[in-house]
Amino acid sequence: MKKNIEQSVKALEHAISRLESAVKRQAGAQTGADGLESEIQTLSADRARLADRLDRAAAKIESLEAVNRDVSGRLVTAMETVSAVLQAELEEV
């Protein structure tokens, strides 16, 4: 009978050990899931921030391109005016 009790105690200790291991694995998995969820939230926030910066940069590029076209047109007009004035001066001489 003592042998049966010792075997039962060992079996109980083994079962408790397995249960503790399972609980630790589960806790680790939960911590990992929480960590993963936190990382996903961080990445989502970074993505939103970067998308906003990209949108602002694209708007600034469009604005600069419009200014560039305007300045280019004015330069062409100025060069044509200068050329016409020089041509007129040459024809008078």
N, C-alpha and C. Protein backbone atom coordinates (compact mmCIF):
# COMPACT_ATOMS: atom_id res chain seq x y z
N MET A 1 0.81 -1.18 0.00
CA MET A 1 0.00 0.00 0.00
C MET A 1 0.86 1.25 0.00
N LYS A 2 1.98 1.24 0.76
CA LYS A 2 2.89 2.36 0.80
C LYS A 2 3.44 2.63 -0.59
N LYS A 3 3.69 1.56 -1.34
CA LYS A 3 4.21 1.69 -2.69
C LYS A 3 3.18 2.36 -3.59
N ASN A 4 1.93 2.02 -3.43
CA ASN A 4 0.86 2.64 -4.22
C ASN A 4 0.74 4.13 -3.90
N ILE A 5 0.91 4.47 -2.64
CA ILE A 5 0.83 5.88 -2.24
C ILE A 5 2.01 6.64 -2.82
N GLU A 6 3.21 6.04 -2.76
CA GLU A 6 4.40 6.69 -3.33
C GLU A 6 4.23 6.89 -4.84
N GLN A 7 3.69 5.88 -5.51
CA GLN A 7 3.46 5.98 -6.95
C GLN A 7 2.42 7.06 -7.25
N SER A 8 1.40 7.10 -6.42
CA SER A 8 0.35 8.10 -6.61
C SER A 8 0.90 9.51 -6.38
N VAL A 9 1.75 9.65 -5.36
CA VAL A 9 2.36 10.96 -5.08
C VAL A 9 3.25 11.37 -6.25
N LYS A 10 4.06 10.43 -6.77
CA LYS A 10 4.93 10.73 -7.92
C LYS A 10 4.08 11.08 -9.15
N ALA A 11 3.01 10.36 -9.37
CA ALA A 11 2.13 10.65 -10.50
C ALA A 11 1.50 12.03 -10.34
N LEU A 12 1.09 12.35 -9.10
CA LEU A 12 0.51 13.65 -8.82
C LEU A 12 1.55 14.76 -9.04
N GLU A 13 2.77 14.55 -8.56
CA GLU A 13 3.84 15.53 -8.75
C GLU A 13 4.12 15.72 -10.24
N HIS A 14 4.14 14.63 -10.99
CA HIS A 14 4.37 14.70 -12.43
C HIS A 14 3.24 15.47 -13.12
N ALA A 15 2.01 15.19 -12.71
CA ALA A 15 0.86 15.89 -13.29
C ALA A 15 0.90 17.38 -12.97
N ILE A 16 1.28 17.70 -11.73
CA ILE A 16 1.39 19.11 -11.33
C ILE A 16 2.49 19.79 -12.13
N SER A 17 3.60 19.09 -12.31
CA SER A 17 4.71 19.64 -13.10
C SER A 17 4.27 19.93 -14.54
N ARG A 18 3.53 18.98 -15.12
CA ARG A 18 3.02 19.17 -16.49
C ARG A 18 2.04 20.33 -16.54
N LEU A 19 1.21 20.43 -15.50
CA LEU A 19 0.24 21.52 -15.44
C LEU A 19 0.95 22.87 -15.34
N GLU A 20 1.98 22.94 -14.48
CA GLU A 20 2.76 24.18 -14.36
C GLU A 20 3.41 24.56 -15.69
N SER A 21 3.96 23.56 -16.37
CA SER A 21 4.57 23.82 -17.67
C SER A 21 3.55 24.35 -18.67
N ALA A 22 2.38 23.73 -18.67
CA ALA A 22 1.31 24.17 -19.58
C ALA A 22 0.88 25.60 -19.26
N VAL A 23 0.77 25.91 -17.96
CA VAL A 23 0.38 27.27 -17.55
C VAL A 23 1.45 28.27 -17.98
N LYS A 24 2.72 27.91 -17.81
CA LYS A 24 3.81 28.80 -18.22
C LYS A 24 3.79 29.02 -19.73
N ARG A 25 3.56 27.93 -20.49
CA ARG A 25 3.48 28.07 -21.95
C ARG A 25 2.32 28.98 -22.34
N GLN A 26 1.20 28.77 -21.69
CA GLN A 26 0.01 29.58 -21.98
C GLN A 26 0.27 31.04 -21.64
N ALA A 27 0.89 31.28 -20.49
CA ALA A 27 1.19 32.65 -20.08
C ALA A 27 2.18 33.28 -21.06
N GLY A 28 3.16 32.49 -21.49
CA GLY A 28 4.12 32.99 -22.48
C GLY A 28 3.44 33.29 -23.80
N ALA A 29 2.53 32.43 -24.20
CA ALA A 29 1.80 32.65 -25.45
C ALA A 29 0.94 33.90 -25.33
N GLN A 30 0.31 34.09 -24.17
CA GLN A 30 -0.54 35.28 -23.98
C GLN A 30 0.32 36.53 -24.00
N THR A 31 1.46 36.48 -23.31
CA THR A 31 2.37 37.61 -23.31
C THR A 31 2.85 37.89 -24.72
N GLY A 32 3.15 36.84 -25.46
CA GLY A 32 3.57 36.99 -26.85
C GLY A 32 2.47 37.59 -27.69
N ALA A 33 1.23 37.16 -27.47
CA ALA A 33 0.09 37.71 -28.22
C ALA A 33 -0.11 39.17 -27.87
N ASP A 34 0.00 39.50 -26.56
CA ASP A 34 -0.12 40.90 -26.15
C ASP A 34 1.00 41.72 -26.76
N GLY A 35 2.19 41.17 -26.75
CA GLY A 35 3.33 41.86 -27.34
C GLY A 35 3.14 42.05 -28.84
N LEU A 36 2.62 41.04 -29.49
CA LEU A 36 2.37 41.12 -30.93
C LEU A 36 1.30 42.16 -31.22
N GLU A 37 0.24 42.16 -30.42
CA GLU A 37 -0.82 43.15 -30.61
C GLU A 37 -0.28 44.56 -30.40
N SER A 38 0.55 44.72 -29.39
CA SER A 38 1.16 46.02 -29.12
C SER A 38 2.05 46.44 -30.28
N GLU A 39 2.82 45.49 -30.80
CA GLU A 39 3.69 45.79 -31.93
C GLU A 39 2.88 46.16 -33.17
N ILE A 40 1.78 45.47 -33.39
CA ILE A 40 0.90 45.78 -34.53
C ILE A 40 0.33 47.19 -34.37
N GLN A 41 -0.08 47.55 -33.15
CA GLN A 41 -0.60 48.90 -32.92
C GLN A 41 0.47 49.94 -33.17
N THR A 42 1.69 49.66 -32.73
CA THR A 42 2.80 50.59 -32.95
C THR A 42 3.08 50.74 -34.44
N LEU A 43 3.11 49.60 -35.15
CA LEU A 43 3.35 49.66 -36.60
C LEU A 43 2.22 50.40 -37.32
N SER A 44 1.00 50.21 -36.88
CA SER A 44 -0.13 50.92 -37.49
C SER A 44 -0.01 52.42 -37.27
N ALA A 45 0.38 52.82 -36.06
CA ALA A 45 0.56 54.24 -35.77
C ALA A 45 1.70 54.81 -36.62
N ASP A 46 2.80 54.06 -36.74
CA ASP A 46 3.91 54.50 -37.58
C ASP A 46 3.48 54.63 -39.03
N ARG A 47 2.69 53.67 -39.51
CA ARG A 47 2.21 53.69 -40.88
C ARG A 47 1.35 54.92 -41.13
N ALA A 48 0.46 55.21 -40.18
CA ALA A 48 -0.41 56.38 -40.32
C ALA A 48 0.42 57.66 -40.33
N ARG A 49 1.41 57.73 -39.45
CA ARG A 49 2.28 58.92 -39.38
C ARG A 49 3.05 59.08 -40.68
N LEU A 50 3.60 57.98 -41.20
CA LEU A 50 4.36 58.04 -42.44
C LEU A 50 3.47 58.37 -43.64
N ALA A 51 2.25 57.84 -43.64
CA ALA A 51 1.31 58.14 -44.73
C ALA A 51 0.98 59.63 -44.72
N ASP A 52 0.79 60.20 -43.53
CA ASP A 52 0.51 61.63 -43.42
C ASP A 52 1.69 62.44 -43.93
N ARG A 53 2.89 62.06 -43.54
CA ARG A 53 4.08 62.78 -44.02
C ARG A 53 4.23 62.66 -45.52
N LEU A 54 3.92 61.48 -46.06
CA LEU A 54 4.00 61.28 -47.51
C LEU A 54 2.97 62.15 -48.22
N ASP A 55 1.76 62.22 -47.69
CA ASP A 55 0.73 63.07 -48.29
C ASP A 55 1.15 64.54 -48.29
N ARG A 56 1.71 64.99 -47.16
CA ARG A 56 2.16 66.38 -47.08
C ARG A 56 3.31 66.65 -48.05
N ALA A 57 4.23 65.67 -48.17
CA ALA A 57 5.35 65.84 -49.11
C ALA A 57 4.85 65.87 -50.54
N ALA A 58 3.89 65.02 -50.87
CA ALA A 58 3.33 65.01 -52.23
C ALA A 58 2.64 66.34 -52.54
N ALA A 59 1.90 66.89 -51.57
CA ALA A 59 1.24 68.18 -51.76
C ALA A 59 2.27 69.28 -51.97
N LYS A 60 3.36 69.22 -51.21
CA LYS A 60 4.41 70.23 -51.35
C LYS A 60 5.08 70.11 -52.73
N ILE A 61 5.29 68.90 -53.19
CA ILE A 61 5.89 68.68 -54.51
C ILE A 61 4.98 69.27 -55.59
N GLU A 62 3.67 69.00 -55.48
CA GLU A 62 2.73 69.56 -56.45
C GLU A 62 2.78 71.08 -56.45
N SER A 63 2.84 71.66 -55.26
CA SER A 63 2.90 73.11 -55.15
C SER A 63 4.19 73.65 -55.78
N LEU A 64 5.32 72.99 -55.49
CA LEU A 64 6.59 73.43 -56.07
C LEU A 64 6.61 73.26 -57.59
N GLU A 65 5.99 72.20 -58.08
CA GLU A 65 5.92 72.01 -59.53
C GLU A 65 5.10 73.13 -60.18
N ALA A 66 4.00 73.53 -59.53
CA ALA A 66 3.17 74.62 -60.06
C ALA A 66 3.97 75.93 -60.08
N VAL A 67 4.70 76.21 -59.00
CA VAL A 67 5.52 77.41 -58.94
C VAL A 67 6.60 77.34 -60.02
N ASN A 68 7.20 76.16 -60.19
CA ASN A 68 8.23 75.98 -61.20
C ASN A 68 7.69 76.28 -62.61
N ARG A 69 6.48 75.76 -62.91
CA ARG A 69 5.87 76.01 -64.22
C ARG A 69 5.62 77.51 -64.42
N ASP A 70 5.13 78.17 -63.35
CA ASP A 70 4.87 79.60 -63.43
C ASP A 70 6.15 80.38 -63.68
N VAL A 71 7.18 80.09 -62.92
CA VAL A 71 8.47 80.79 -63.08
C VAL A 71 9.05 80.50 -64.45
N SER A 72 8.96 79.27 -64.91
CA SER A 72 9.47 78.92 -66.23
C SER A 72 8.75 79.71 -67.32
N GLY A 73 7.43 79.80 -67.20
CA GLY A 73 6.67 80.58 -68.18
C GLY A 73 7.06 82.04 -68.16
N ARG A 74 7.26 82.60 -66.99
CA ARG A 74 7.67 84.00 -66.88
C ARG A 74 9.06 84.22 -67.46
N LEU A 75 9.96 83.25 -67.24
CA LEU A 75 11.31 83.38 -67.81
C LEU A 75 11.26 83.34 -69.33
N VAL A 76 10.45 82.46 -69.87
CA VAL A 76 10.31 82.38 -71.33
C VAL A 76 9.78 83.71 -71.86
N THR A 77 8.77 84.25 -71.20
CA THR A 77 8.21 85.54 -71.62
C THR A 77 9.27 86.63 -71.53
N ALA A 78 10.05 86.66 -70.45
CA ALA A 78 11.10 87.67 -70.28
C ALA A 78 12.17 87.52 -71.35
N MET A 79 12.56 86.27 -71.64
CA MET A 79 13.59 86.07 -72.67
C MET A 79 13.08 86.48 -74.04
N GLU A 80 11.83 86.19 -74.32
CA GLU A 80 11.25 86.61 -75.60
C GLU A 80 11.18 88.12 -75.70
N THR A 81 10.84 88.78 -74.60
CA THR A 81 10.79 90.24 -74.58
C THR A 81 12.17 90.83 -74.80
N VAL A 82 13.16 90.31 -74.09
CA VAL A 82 14.54 90.79 -74.25
C VAL A 82 15.01 90.55 -75.68
N SER A 83 14.71 89.39 -76.20
CA SER A 83 15.10 89.07 -77.57
C SER A 83 14.44 90.02 -78.57
N ALA A 84 13.17 90.31 -78.36
CA ALA A 84 12.45 91.23 -79.26
C ALA A 84 13.04 92.63 -79.18
N VAL A 85 13.37 93.09 -77.96
CA VAL A 85 13.97 94.41 -77.78
C VAL A 85 15.33 94.46 -78.46
N LEU A 86 16.14 93.44 -78.27
CA LEU A 86 17.46 93.40 -78.90
C LEU A 86 17.34 93.37 -80.42
N GLN A 87 16.41 92.61 -80.92
CA GLN A 87 16.19 92.52 -82.35
C GLN A 87 15.80 93.87 -82.91
N ALA A 88 14.89 94.57 -82.18
CA ALA A 88 14.47 95.89 -82.61
C ALA A 88 15.63 96.86 -82.60
N GLU A 89 16.48 96.77 -81.60
CA GLU A 89 17.65 97.66 -81.50
C GLU A 89 18.61 97.38 -82.65
N LEU A 90 18.81 96.13 -82.99
CA LEU A 90 19.71 95.75 -84.09
C LEU A 90 19.16 96.24 -85.42
N GLU A 91 17.87 96.20 -85.59
CA GLU A 91 17.26 96.64 -86.84
C GLU A 91 17.36 98.15 -86.98
N GLU A 92 17.40 98.90 -85.88
CA GLU A 92 17.53 100.35 -85.92
C GLU A 92 18.95 100.77 -86.26
N VAL A 93 19.90 99.95 -85.96
CA VAL A 93 21.30 100.32 -86.16
C VAL A 93 21.73 100.04 -87.53
